[in-house]
Amino acid sequence: MTYRVPPQVENININQTVSNEMINLQVTWNQPTSDRPIQHYEVLYRKQGISSWTSVTPNPTARQTTIRNVDKGSVYNVQVRAVSDAGSGQWKSATSQRTYRVPPQVSNIQITQTY
């Protein structure tokens, strides 16, 4: 019997989080319906305008991953695909909103008292 590679993942969502002034992209997706069990997912991302992709290794069966410490005020392209023992499915792409521009940390605070 010949099995087909998994179809594209569905509904990629990209949400931003801020932690300790670092911007992270939380990427989630829905599992495709496949005639073979999904073994793992592959995730690639790049800053818009950059030609090379960076790989992120999510938990093998999780349908989410976090891209940590992305550049402020930038847009990112993300691709996700499912892999089964029949092979790799096609990439599904999504684009983030422009990332937050987190203000710099406040320093040298002076408090004066007036009467």
PDB file of N, CA and C in Angstrom:
ATOM      1  N   MET A   1       0.839  -1.171   0.000  1.00  0.00           N
ATOM      2  CA  MET A   1       0.000   0.000   0.000  1.00  0.00           C
ATOM      3  C   MET A   1       0.889   1.240   0.000  1.00  0.00           C
ATOM      4  N   THR A   2       0.530   2.224  -0.789  1.00  0.00           N
ATOM      5  CA  THR A   2       1.269   3.474  -0.862  1.00  0.00           C
ATOM      6  C   THR A   2       0.523   4.544  -0.078  1.00  0.00           C
ATOM      7  N   TYR A   3       1.248   5.223   0.801  1.00  0.00           N
ATOM      8  CA  TYR A   3       0.657   6.291   1.602  1.00  0.00           C
ATOM      9  C   TYR A   3       1.076   7.642   1.054  1.00  0.00           C
ATOM     10  N   ARG A   4       0.226   8.622   1.239  1.00  0.00           N
ATOM     11  CA  ARG A   4       0.524   9.981   0.796  1.00  0.00           C
ATOM     12  C   ARG A   4       1.205  10.749   1.920  1.00  0.00           C
ATOM     13  N   VAL A   5       2.031  11.708   1.516  1.00  0.00           N
ATOM     14  CA  VAL A   5       2.635  12.600   2.514  1.00  0.00           C
ATOM     15  C   VAL A   5       1.507  13.427   3.143  1.00  0.00           C
ATOM     16  N   PRO A   6       1.722  13.954   4.328  1.00  0.00           N
ATOM     17  CA  PRO A   6       0.660  14.733   4.985  1.00  0.00           C
ATOM     18  C   PRO A   6       0.301  15.980   4.168  1.00  0.00           C
ATOM     19  N   PRO A   7      -0.956  16.396   4.226  1.00  0.00           N
ATOM     20  CA  PRO A   7      -1.320  17.670   3.607  1.00  0.00           C
ATOM     21  C   PRO A   7      -0.741  18.823   4.426  1.00  0.00           C
ATOM     22  N   GLN A   8      -0.934  20.038   3.933  1.00  0.00           N
ATOM     23  CA  GLN A   8      -0.434  21.213   4.656  1.00  0.00           C
ATOM     24  C   GLN A   8      -1.113  21.350   6.016  1.00  0.00           C
ATOM     25  N   VAL A   9      -0.354  21.883   6.975  1.00  0.00           N
ATOM     26  CA  VAL A   9      -0.950  22.232   8.261  1.00  0.00           C
ATOM     27  C   VAL A   9      -1.951  23.360   8.007  1.00  0.00           C
ATOM     28  N   GLU A  10      -2.831  23.584   8.944  1.00  0.00           N
ATOM     29  CA  GLU A  10      -3.869  24.594   8.764  1.00  0.00           C
ATOM     30  C   GLU A  10      -3.821  25.634   9.878  1.00  0.00           C
ATOM     31  N   ASN A  11      -4.328  26.811   9.548  1.00  0.00           N
ATOM     32  CA  ASN A  11      -4.548  27.874  10.541  1.00  0.00           C
ATOM     33  C   ASN A  11      -3.310  28.227  11.353  1.00  0.00           C
ATOM     34  N   ILE A  12      -2.250  28.632  10.690  1.00  0.00           N
ATOM     35  CA  ILE A  12      -1.078  29.114  11.427  1.00  0.00           C
ATOM     36  C   ILE A  12      -1.424  30.457  12.065  1.00  0.00           C
ATOM     37  N   ASN A  13      -1.189  30.564  13.360  1.00  0.00           N
ATOM     38  CA  ASN A  13      -1.386  31.823  14.095  1.00  0.00           C
ATOM     39  C   ASN A  13      -0.062  32.240  14.700  1.00  0.00           C
ATOM     40  N   ILE A  14       0.208  33.534  14.640  1.00  0.00           N
ATOM     41  CA  ILE A  14       1.437  34.079  15.208  1.00  0.00           C
ATOM     42  C   ILE A  14       1.041  35.185  16.177  1.00  0.00           C
ATOM     43  N   ASN A  15       1.373  35.003  17.444  1.00  0.00           N
ATOM     44  CA  ASN A  15       1.078  35.992  18.478  1.00  0.00           C
ATOM     45  C   ASN A  15       2.367  36.448  19.125  1.00  0.00           C
ATOM     46  N   GLN A  16       2.405  37.725  19.473  1.00  0.00           N
ATOM     47  CA  GLN A  16       3.597  38.285  20.107  1.00  0.00           C
ATOM     48  C   GLN A  16       3.453  38.275  21.621  1.00  0.00           C
ATOM     49  N   THR A  17       4.551  38.005  22.293  1.00  0.00           N
ATOM     50  CA  THR A  17       4.608  38.144  23.736  1.00  0.00           C
ATOM     51  C   THR A  17       5.860  38.940  24.076  1.00  0.00           C
ATOM     52  N   VAL A  18       5.835  39.618  25.194  1.00  0.00           N
ATOM     53  CA  VAL A  18       6.999  40.386  25.647  1.00  0.00           C
ATOM     54  C   VAL A  18       7.358  39.888  27.031  1.00  0.00           C
ATOM     55  N   SER A  19       8.631  39.551  27.201  1.00  0.00           N
ATOM     56  CA  SER A  19       9.123  39.081  28.492  1.00  0.00           C
ATOM     57  C   SER A  19      10.514  39.662  28.704  1.00  0.00           C
ATOM     58  N   ASN A  20      10.707  40.387  29.795  1.00  0.00           N
ATOM     59  CA  ASN A  20      11.996  41.012  30.084  1.00  0.00           C
ATOM     60  C   ASN A  20      12.511  41.812  28.890  1.00  0.00           C
ATOM     61  N   GLU A  21      11.613  42.568  28.282  1.00  0.00           N
ATOM     62  CA  GLU A  21      11.910  43.423  27.132  1.00  0.00           C
ATOM     63  C   GLU A  21      12.295  42.649  25.871  1.00  0.00           C
ATOM     64  N   MET A  22      12.161  41.319  25.887  1.00  0.00           N
ATOM     65  CA  MET A  22      12.408  40.513  24.690  1.00  0.00           C
ATOM     66  C   MET A  22      11.071  40.211  24.040  1.00  0.00           C
ATOM     67  N   ILE A  23      11.047  40.319  22.713  1.00  0.00           N
ATOM     68  CA  ILE A  23       9.828  39.997  21.975  1.00  0.00           C
ATOM     69  C   ILE A  23       9.947  38.572  21.460  1.00  0.00           C
ATOM     70  N   ASN A  24       8.913  37.785  21.698  1.00  0.00           N
ATOM     71  CA  ASN A  24       8.853  36.402  21.231  1.00  0.00           C
ATOM     72  C   ASN A  24       7.624  36.233  20.347  1.00  0.00           C
ATOM     73  N   LEU A  25       7.720  35.322  19.387  1.00  0.00           N
ATOM     74  CA  LEU A  25       6.580  34.992  18.540  1.00  0.00           C
ATOM     75  C   LEU A  25       6.109  33.596  18.903  1.00  0.00           C
ATOM     76  N   GLN A  26       4.883  33.497  19.364  1.00  0.00           N
ATOM     77  CA  GLN A  26       4.268  32.212  19.691  1.00  0.00           C
ATOM     78  C   GLN A  26       3.537  31.745  18.439  1.00  0.00           C
ATOM     79  N   VAL A  27       3.976  30.637  17.846  1.00  0.00           N
ATOM     80  CA  VAL A  27       3.410  30.124  16.602  1.00  0.00           C
ATOM     81  C   VAL A  27       2.610  28.860  16.913  1.00  0.00           C
ATOM     82  N   THR A  28       1.357  28.828  16.472  1.00  0.00           N
ATOM     83  CA  THR A  28       0.507  27.650  16.653  1.00  0.00           C
ATOM     84  C   THR A  28      -0.103  27.276  15.307  1.00  0.00           C
ATOM     85  N   TRP A  29      -0.511  26.010  15.170  1.00  0.00           N
ATOM     86  CA  TRP A  29      -1.143  25.538  13.938  1.00  0.00           C
ATOM     87  C   TRP A  29      -2.009  24.339  14.256  1.00  0.00           C
ATOM     88  N   ASN A  30      -2.880  24.002  13.309  1.00  0.00           N
ATOM     89  CA  ASN A  30      -3.741  22.833  13.455  1.00  0.00           C
ATOM     90  C   ASN A  30      -3.129  21.650  12.715  1.00  0.00           C
ATOM     91  N   GLN A  31      -3.288  20.488  13.290  1.00  0.00           N
ATOM     92  CA  GLN A  31      -2.782  19.257  12.683  1.00  0.00           C
ATOM     93  C   GLN A  31      -3.587  18.934  11.425  1.00  0.00           C
ATOM     94  N   PRO A  32      -2.906  18.576  10.335  1.00  0.00           N
ATOM     95  CA  PRO A  32      -3.647  18.182   9.133  1.00  0.00           C
ATOM     96  C   PRO A  32      -4.234  16.780   9.295  1.00  0.00           C
ATOM     97  N   THR A  33      -5.262  16.504   8.535  1.00  0.00           N
ATOM     98  CA  THR A  33      -5.831  15.162   8.506  1.00  0.00           C
ATOM     99  C   THR A  33      -4.976  14.331   7.563  1.00  0.00           C
ATOM    100  N   SER A  34      -4.396  13.243   8.080  1.00  0.00           N
ATOM    101  CA  SER A  34      -3.453  12.444   7.308  1.00  0.00           C
ATOM    102  C   SER A  34      -3.767  10.965   7.484  1.00  0.00           C
ATOM    103  N   ASP A  35      -3.461  10.176   6.445  1.00  0.00           N
ATOM    104  CA  ASP A  35      -3.701   8.734   6.565  1.00  0.00           C
ATOM    105  C   ASP A  35      -2.581   8.027   7.343  1.00  0.00           C
ATOM    106  N   ARG A  36      -1.525   8.759   7.713  1.00  0.00           N
ATOM    107  CA  ARG A  36      -0.439   8.223   8.540  1.00  0.00           C
ATOM    108  C   ARG A  36      -0.235   9.154   9.732  1.00  0.00           C
ATOM    109  N   PRO A  37       0.184   8.630  10.868  1.00  0.00           N
ATOM    110  CA  PRO A  37       0.424   9.493  12.037  1.00  0.00           C
ATOM    111  C   PRO A  37       1.522  10.530  11.747  1.00  0.00           C
ATOM    112  N   ILE A  38       1.315  11.736  12.255  1.00  0.00           N
ATOM    113  CA  ILE A  38       2.334  12.779  12.134  1.00  0.00           C
ATOM    114  C   ILE A  38       3.444  12.450  13.130  1.00  0.00           C
ATOM    115  N   GLN A  39       4.684  12.375  12.632  1.00  0.00           N
ATOM    116  CA  GLN A  39       5.822  12.080  13.500  1.00  0.00           C
ATOM    117  C   GLN A  39       6.372  13.340  14.153  1.00  0.00           C
ATOM    118  N   HIS A  40       6.449  14.414  13.378  1.00  0.00           N
ATOM    119  CA  HIS A  40       6.918  15.684  13.913  1.00  0.00           C
ATOM    120  C   HIS A  40       6.604  16.801  12.916  1.00  0.00           C
ATOM    121  N   TYR A  41       6.920  18.029  13.337  1.00  0.00           N
ATOM    122  CA  TYR A  41       6.717  19.209  12.503  1.00  0.00           C
ATOM    123  C   TYR A  41       8.056  19.901  12.294  1.00  0.00           C
ATOM    124  N   GLU A  42       8.186  20.563  11.161  1.00  0.00           N
ATOM    125  CA  GLU A  42       9.366  21.374  10.882  1.00  0.00           C
ATOM    126  C   GLU A  42       8.903  22.822  10.760  1.00  0.00           C
ATOM    127  N   VAL A  43       9.669  23.725  11.381  1.00  0.00           N
ATOM    128  CA  VAL A  43       9.317  25.140  11.385  1.00  0.00           C
ATOM    129  C   VAL A  43      10.530  25.948  10.949  1.00  0.00           C
ATOM    130  N   LEU A  44      10.309  26.856  10.009  1.00  0.00           N
ATOM    131  CA  LEU A  44      11.344  27.780   9.542  1.00  0.00           C
ATOM    132  C   LEU A  44      10.829  29.208   9.720  1.00  0.00           C
ATOM    133  N   TYR A  45      11.751  30.142   9.978  1.00  0.00           N
ATOM    134  CA  TYR A  45      11.354  31.547  10.032  1.00  0.00           C
ATOM    135  C   TYR A  45      12.480  32.418   9.505  1.00  0.00           C
ATOM    136  N   ARG A  46      12.105  33.622   9.083  1.00  0.00           N
ATOM    137  CA  ARG A  46      13.093  34.617   8.658  1.00  0.00           C
ATOM    138  C   ARG A  46      12.482  36.002   8.794  1.00  0.00           C
ATOM    139  N   LYS A  47      13.343  36.947   9.028  1.00  0.00           N
ATOM    140  CA  LYS A  47      12.932  38.339   9.050  1.00  0.00           C
ATOM    141  C   LYS A  47      12.640  38.743   7.613  1.00  0.00           C
ATOM    142  N   GLN A  48      11.546  39.458   7.402  1.00  0.00           N
ATOM    143  CA  GLN A  48      11.179  39.847   6.046  1.00  0.00           C
ATOM    144  C   GLN A  48      12.317  40.641   5.405  1.00  0.00           C
ATOM    145  N   GLY A  49      12.655  40.275   4.168  1.00  0.00           N
ATOM    146  CA  GLY A  49      13.748  40.916   3.450  1.00  0.00           C
ATOM    147  C   GLY A  49      15.062  40.146   3.543  1.00  0.00           C
ATOM    148  N   ILE A  50      15.120  39.137   4.403  1.00  0.00           N
ATOM    149  CA  ILE A  50      16.307  38.291   4.549  1.00  0.00           C
ATOM    150  C   ILE A  50      16.058  37.006   3.770  1.00  0.00           C
ATOM    151  N   SER A  51      17.066  36.531   3.030  1.00  0.00           N
ATOM    152  CA  SER A  51      16.833  35.361   2.175  1.00  0.00           C
ATOM    153  C   SER A  51      16.998  34.019   2.890  1.00  0.00           C
ATOM    154  N   SER A  52      17.802  33.968   3.930  1.00  0.00           N
ATOM    155  CA  SER A  52      18.052  32.669   4.576  1.00  0.00           C
ATOM    156  C   SER A  52      17.034  32.409   5.691  1.00  0.00           C
ATOM    157  N   TRP A  53      16.692  31.127   5.831  1.00  0.00           N
ATOM    158  CA  TRP A  53      15.729  30.674   6.834  1.00  0.00           C
ATOM    159  C   TRP A  53      16.457  30.128   8.050  1.00  0.00           C
ATOM    160  N   THR A  54      15.843  30.250   9.221  1.00  0.00           N
ATOM    161  CA  THR A  54      16.343  29.667  10.465  1.00  0.00           C
ATOM    162  C   THR A  54      15.356  28.589  10.887  1.00  0.00           C
ATOM    163  N   SER A  55      15.880  27.460  11.322  1.00  0.00           N
ATOM    164  CA  SER A  55      15.041  26.337  11.739  1.00  0.00           C
ATOM    165  C   SER A  55      14.776  26.398  13.239  1.00  0.00           C
ATOM    166  N   VAL A  56      13.545  26.073  13.609  1.00  0.00           N
ATOM    167  CA  VAL A  56      13.161  25.945  15.013  1.00  0.00           C
ATOM    168  C   VAL A  56      12.703  24.511  15.195  1.00  0.00           C
ATOM    169  N   THR A  57      13.114  23.877  16.265  1.00  0.00           N
ATOM    170  CA  THR A  57      12.724  22.493  16.501  1.00  0.00           C
ATOM    171  C   THR A  57      11.688  22.441  17.613  1.00  0.00           C
ATOM    172  N   PRO A  58      10.401  22.327  17.242  1.00  0.00           N
ATOM    173  CA  PRO A  58       9.384  22.222  18.286  1.00  0.00           C
ATOM    174  C   PRO A  58       9.370  20.823  18.895  1.00  0.00           C
ATOM    175  N   ASN A  59       8.707  20.692  20.027  1.00  0.00           N
ATOM    176  CA  ASN A  59       8.450  19.373  20.583  1.00  0.00           C
ATOM    177  C   ASN A  59       7.835  18.542  19.452  1.00  0.00           C
ATOM    178  N   PRO A  60       8.283  17.308  19.224  1.00  0.00           N
ATOM    179  CA  PRO A  60       7.870  16.551  18.034  1.00  0.00           C
ATOM    180  C   PRO A  60       6.368  16.495  17.768  1.00  0.00           C
ATOM    181  N   THR A  61       5.556  16.339  18.790  1.00  0.00           N
ATOM    182  CA  THR A  61       4.121  16.206  18.526  1.00  0.00           C
ATOM    183  C   THR A  61       3.331  17.465  18.890  1.00  0.00           C
ATOM    184  N   ALA A  62       4.017  18.483  19.398  1.00  0.00           N
ATOM    185  CA  ALA A  62       3.327  19.727  19.749  1.00  0.00           C
ATOM    186  C   ALA A  62       2.947  20.488  18.483  1.00  0.00           C
ATOM    187  N   ARG A  63       1.880  21.218  18.561  1.00  0.00           N
ATOM    188  CA  ARG A  63       1.446  22.035  17.432  1.00  0.00           C
ATOM    189  C   ARG A  63       1.670  23.505  17.757  1.00  0.00           C
ATOM    190  N   GLN A  64       2.827  23.749  18.361  1.00  0.00           N
ATOM    191  CA  GLN A  64       3.213  25.116  18.699  1.00  0.00           C
ATOM    192  C   GLN A  64       4.709  25.189  18.942  1.00  0.00           C
ATOM    193  N   THR A  65       5.234  26.389  18.782  1.00  0.00           N
ATOM    194  CA  THR A  65       6.627  26.641  19.119  1.00  0.00           C
ATOM    195  C   THR A  65       6.786  28.123  19.379  1.00  0.00           C
ATOM    196  N   THR A  66       7.887  28.502  20.008  1.00  0.00           N
ATOM    197  CA  THR A  66       8.165  29.907  20.285  1.00  0.00           C
ATOM    198  C   THR A  66       9.465  30.301  19.599  1.00  0.00           C
ATOM    199  N   ILE A  67       9.407  31.396  18.865  1.00  0.00           N
ATOM    200  CA  ILE A  67      10.601  31.986  18.252  1.00  0.00           C
ATOM    201  C   ILE A  67      11.010  33.121  19.185  1.00  0.00           C
ATOM    202  N   ARG A  68      12.157  32.983  19.809  1.00  0.00           N
ATOM    203  CA  ARG A  68      12.540  33.876  20.894  1.00  0.00           C
ATOM    204  C   ARG A  68      13.427  35.046  20.443  1.00  0.00           C
ATOM    205  N   ASN A  69      13.235  36.151  21.127  1.00  0.00           N
ATOM    206  CA  ASN A  69      14.094  37.325  21.007  1.00  0.00           C
ATOM    207  C   ASN A  69      14.196  37.839  19.567  1.00  0.00           C
ATOM    208  N   VAL A  70      13.042  38.097  18.947  1.00  0.00           N
ATOM    209  CA  VAL A  70      13.041  38.636  17.587  1.00  0.00           C
ATOM    210  C   VAL A  70      13.294  40.142  17.634  1.00  0.00           C
ATOM    211  N   ASP A  71      13.642  40.708  16.493  1.00  0.00           N
ATOM    212  CA  ASP A  71      13.955  42.137  16.420  1.00  0.00           C
ATOM    213  C   ASP A  71      12.701  42.990  16.578  1.00  0.00           C
ATOM    214  N   LYS A  72      12.858  44.094  17.267  1.00  0.00           N
ATOM    215  CA  LYS A  72      11.752  45.029  17.479  1.00  0.00           C
ATOM    216  C   LYS A  72      11.398  45.729  16.170  1.00  0.00           C
ATOM    217  N   GLY A  73      10.106  45.960  15.945  1.00  0.00           N
ATOM    218  CA  GLY A  73       9.651  46.703  14.786  1.00  0.00           C
ATOM    219  C   GLY A  73       9.860  45.989  13.460  1.00  0.00           C
ATOM    220  N   SER A  74       9.899  44.661  13.457  1.00  0.00           N
ATOM    221  CA  SER A  74      10.161  43.884  12.243  1.00  0.00           C
ATOM    222  C   SER A  74       8.988  42.965  11.914  1.00  0.00           C
ATOM    223  N   VAL A  75       8.962  42.490  10.677  1.00  0.00           N
ATOM    224  CA  VAL A  75       7.951  41.533  10.219  1.00  0.00           C
ATOM    225  C   VAL A  75       8.672  40.218   9.940  1.00  0.00           C
ATOM    226  N   TYR A  76       8.049  39.100  10.329  1.00  0.00           N
ATOM    227  CA  TYR A  76       8.657  37.781  10.144  1.00  0.00           C
ATOM    228  C   TYR A  76       7.781  36.879   9.286  1.00  0.00           C
ATOM    229  N   ASN A  77       8.428  36.082   8.445  1.00  0.00           N
ATOM    230  CA  ASN A  77       7.768  35.039   7.673  1.00  0.00           C
ATOM    231  C   ASN A  77       8.023  33.723   8.381  1.00  0.00           C
ATOM    232  N   VAL A  78       6.990  32.895   8.506  1.00  0.00           N
ATOM    233  CA  VAL A  78       7.086  31.600   9.181  1.00  0.00           C
ATOM    234  C   VAL A  78       6.527  30.536   8.245  1.00  0.00           C
ATOM    235  N   GLN A  79       7.172  29.373   8.196  1.00  0.00           N
ATOM    236  CA  GLN A  79       6.681  28.229   7.436  1.00  0.00           C
ATOM    237  C   GLN A  79       6.637  27.012   8.349  1.00  0.00           C
ATOM    238  N   VAL A  80       5.592  26.196   8.192  1.00  0.00           N
ATOM    239  CA  VAL A  80       5.427  24.976   8.991  1.00  0.00           C
ATOM    240  C   VAL A  80       5.024  23.850   8.056  1.00  0.00           C
ATOM    241  N   ARG A  81       5.545  22.648   8.292  1.00  0.00           N
ATOM    242  CA  ARG A  81       5.078  21.469   7.568  1.00  0.00           C
ATOM    243  C   ARG A  81       5.089  20.260   8.479  1.00  0.00           C
ATOM    244  N   ALA A  82       4.215  19.314   8.155  1.00  0.00           N
ATOM    245  CA  ALA A  82       4.094  18.067   8.912  1.00  0.00           C
ATOM    246  C   ALA A  82       4.920  16.986   8.226  1.00  0.00           C
ATOM    247  N   VAL A  83       5.447  16.057   9.035  1.00  0.00           N
ATOM    248  CA  VAL A  83       6.249  14.954   8.519  1.00  0.00           C
ATOM    249  C   VAL A  83       5.700  13.641   9.087  1.00  0.00           C
ATOM    250  N   SER A  84       5.486  12.668   8.198  1.00  0.00           N
ATOM    251  CA  SER A  84       5.075  11.321   8.620  1.00  0.00           C
ATOM    252  C   SER A  84       6.066  10.326   8.033  1.00  0.00           C
ATOM    253  N   ASP A  85       5.827   9.034   8.256  1.00  0.00           N
ATOM    254  CA  ASP A  85       6.730   8.034   7.682  1.00  0.00           C
ATOM    255  C   ASP A  85       6.595   7.950   6.161  1.00  0.00           C
ATOM    256  N   ALA A  86       5.588   8.621   5.599  1.00  0.00           N
ATOM    257  CA  ALA A  86       5.426   8.672   4.141  1.00  0.00           C
ATOM    258  C   ALA A  86       6.214   9.830   3.526  1.00  0.00           C
ATOM    259  N   GLY A  87       6.718  10.747   4.366  1.00  0.00           N
ATOM    260  CA  GLY A  87       7.502  11.877   3.871  1.00  0.00           C
ATOM    261  C   GLY A  87       7.036  13.200   4.445  1.00  0.00           C
ATOM    262  N   SER A  88       7.555  14.271   3.878  1.00  0.00           N
ATOM    263  CA  SER A  88       7.262  15.630   4.344  1.00  0.00           C
ATOM    264  C   SER A  88       6.162  16.262   3.508  1.00  0.00           C
ATOM    265  N   GLY A  89       5.223  16.906   4.175  1.00  0.00           N
ATOM    266  CA  GLY A  89       4.167  17.628   3.475  1.00  0.00           C
ATOM    267  C   GLY A  89       4.679  18.944   2.916  1.00  0.00           C
ATOM    268  N   GLN A  90       3.806  19.677   2.243  1.00  0.00           N
ATOM    269  CA  GLN A  90       4.175  20.972   1.701  1.00  0.00           C
ATOM    270  C   GLN A  90       4.212  22.017   2.807  1.00  0.00           C
ATOM    271  N   TRP A  91       5.075  23.018   2.604  1.00  0.00           N
ATOM    272  CA  TRP A  91       5.162  24.109   3.561  1.00  0.00           C
ATOM    273  C   TRP A  91       3.900  24.955   3.510  1.00  0.00           C
ATOM    274  N   LYS A  92       3.458  25.409   4.670  1.00  0.00           N
ATOM    275  CA  LYS A  92       2.373  26.386   4.798  1.00  0.00           C
ATOM    276  C   LYS A  92       3.012  27.639   5.383  1.00  0.00           C
ATOM    277  N   SER A  93       2.720  28.782   4.788  1.00  0.00           N
ATOM    278  CA  SER A  93       3.372  30.037   5.193  1.00  0.00           C
ATOM    279  C   SER A  93       2.409  30.972   5.897  1.00  0.00           C
ATOM    280  N   ALA A  94       2.971  31.806   6.755  1.00  0.00           N
ATOM    281  CA  ALA A  94       2.227  32.871   7.423  1.00  0.00           C
ATOM    282  C   ALA A  94       3.198  34.022   7.668  1.00  0.00           C
ATOM    283  N   THR A  95       2.654  35.211   7.856  1.00  0.00           N
ATOM    284  CA  THR A  95       3.468  36.398   8.108  1.00  0.00           C
ATOM    285  C   THR A  95       2.988  37.054   9.392  1.00  0.00           C
ATOM    286  N   SER A  96       3.931  37.464  10.225  1.00  0.00           N
ATOM    287  CA  SER A  96       3.583  38.112  11.488  1.00  0.00           C
ATOM    288  C   SER A  96       3.174  39.565  11.240  1.00  0.00           C
ATOM    289  N   GLN A  97       2.503  40.129  12.205  1.00  0.00           N
ATOM    290  CA  GLN A  97       2.316  41.572  12.230  1.00  0.00           C
ATOM    291  C   GLN A  97       3.678  42.186  12.553  1.00  0.00           C
ATOM    292  N   ARG A  98       3.841  43.472  12.312  1.00  0.00           N
ATOM    293  CA  ARG A  98       5.098  44.130  12.702  1.00  0.00           C
ATOM    294  C   ARG A  98       5.253  43.971  14.215  1.00  0.00           C
ATOM    295  N   THR A  99       6.421  43.546  14.638  1.00  0.00           N
ATOM    296  CA  THR A  99       6.642  43.308  16.068  1.00  0.00           C
ATOM    297  C   THR A  99       6.629  44.626  16.835  1.00  0.00           C
ATOM    298  N   TYR A 100       6.355  44.502  18.129  1.00  0.00           N
ATOM    299  CA  TYR A 100       6.287  45.669  18.995  1.00  0.00           C
ATOM    300  C   TYR A 100       7.606  46.427  18.993  1.00  0.00           C
ATOM    301  N   ARG A 101       7.484  47.703  19.248  1.00  0.00           N
ATOM    302  CA  ARG A 101       8.677  48.533  19.489  1.00  0.00           C
ATOM    303  C   ARG A 101       8.688  48.808  20.992  1.00  0.00           C
ATOM    304  N   VAL A 102       9.311  47.931  21.724  1.00  0.00           N
ATOM    305  CA  VAL A 102       9.331  48.034  23.178  1.00  0.00           C
ATOM    306  C   VAL A 102      10.218  49.212  23.562  1.00  0.00           C
ATOM    307  N   PRO A 103       9.721  50.109  24.408  1.00  0.00           N
ATOM    308  CA  PRO A 103      10.562  51.246  24.788  1.00  0.00           C
ATOM    309  C   PRO A 103      11.769  50.773  25.593  1.00  0.00           C
ATOM    310  N   PRO A 104      12.853  51.529  25.526  1.00  0.00           N
ATOM    311  CA  PRO A 104      14.037  51.143  26.302  1.00  0.00           C
ATOM    312  C   PRO A 104      13.747  51.208  27.793  1.00  0.00           C
ATOM    313  N   GLN A 105      14.538  50.498  28.547  1.00  0.00           N
ATOM    314  CA  GLN A 105      14.364  50.470  29.989  1.00  0.00           C
ATOM    315  C   GLN A 105      14.639  51.852  30.562  1.00  0.00           C
ATOM    316  N   VAL A 106      13.808  52.277  31.492  1.00  0.00           N
ATOM    317  CA  VAL A 106      13.975  53.575  32.132  1.00  0.00           C
ATOM    318  C   VAL A 106      15.138  53.484  33.109  1.00  0.00           C
ATOM    319  N   SER A 107      15.988  54.505  33.097  1.00  0.00           N
ATOM    320  CA  SER A 107      17.107  54.520  34.039  1.00  0.00           C
ATOM    321  C   SER A 107      17.279  55.946  34.571  1.00  0.00           C
ATOM    322  N   ASN A 108      18.061  56.081  35.589  1.00  0.00           N
ATOM    323  CA  ASN A 108      18.363  57.377  36.202  1.00  0.00           C
ATOM    324  C   ASN A 108      17.100  58.134  36.606  1.00  0.00           C
ATOM    325  N   ILE A 109      16.239  57.472  37.341  1.00  0.00           N
ATOM    326  CA  ILE A 109      15.019  58.124  37.831  1.00  0.00           C
ATOM    327  C   ILE A 109      15.375  58.945  39.058  1.00  0.00           C
ATOM    328  N   GLN A 110      14.914  60.204  39.048  1.00  0.00           N
ATOM    329  CA  GLN A 110      15.126  61.066  40.209  1.00  0.00           C
ATOM    330  C   GLN A 110      13.767  61.529  40.702  1.00  0.00           C
ATOM    331  N   ILE A 111      13.592  61.481  41.991  1.00  0.00           N
ATOM    332  CA  ILE A 111      12.340  61.940  42.593  1.00  0.00           C
ATOM    333  C   ILE A 111      12.652  63.177  43.398  1.00  0.00           C
ATOM    334  N   THR A 112      11.928  64.214  43.105  1.00  0.00           N
ATOM    335  CA  THR A 112      12.088  65.443  43.884  1.00  0.00           C
ATOM    336  C   THR A 112      10.772  65.736  44.574  1.00  0.00           C
ATOM    337  N   GLN A 113      10.886  66.316  45.697  1.00  0.00           N
ATOM    338  CA  GLN A 113       9.700  66.614  46.481  1.00  0.00           C
ATOM    339  C   GLN A 113       9.503  68.114  46.472  1.00  0.00           C
ATOM    340  N   THR A 114       8.324  68.551  46.179  1.00  0.00           N
ATOM    341  CA  THR A 114       8.029  69.976  46.214  1.00  0.00           C
ATOM    342  C   THR A 114       6.917  70.234  47.227  1.00  0.00           C
ATOM    343  N   TYR A 115       6.975  71.391  47.843  1.00  0.00           N
ATOM    344  CA  TYR A 115       5.959  71.758  48.839  1.00  0.00           C
ATOM    345  C   TYR A 115       5.232  72.981  48.396  1.00  0.00           C
TER     346      TYR A 115
END
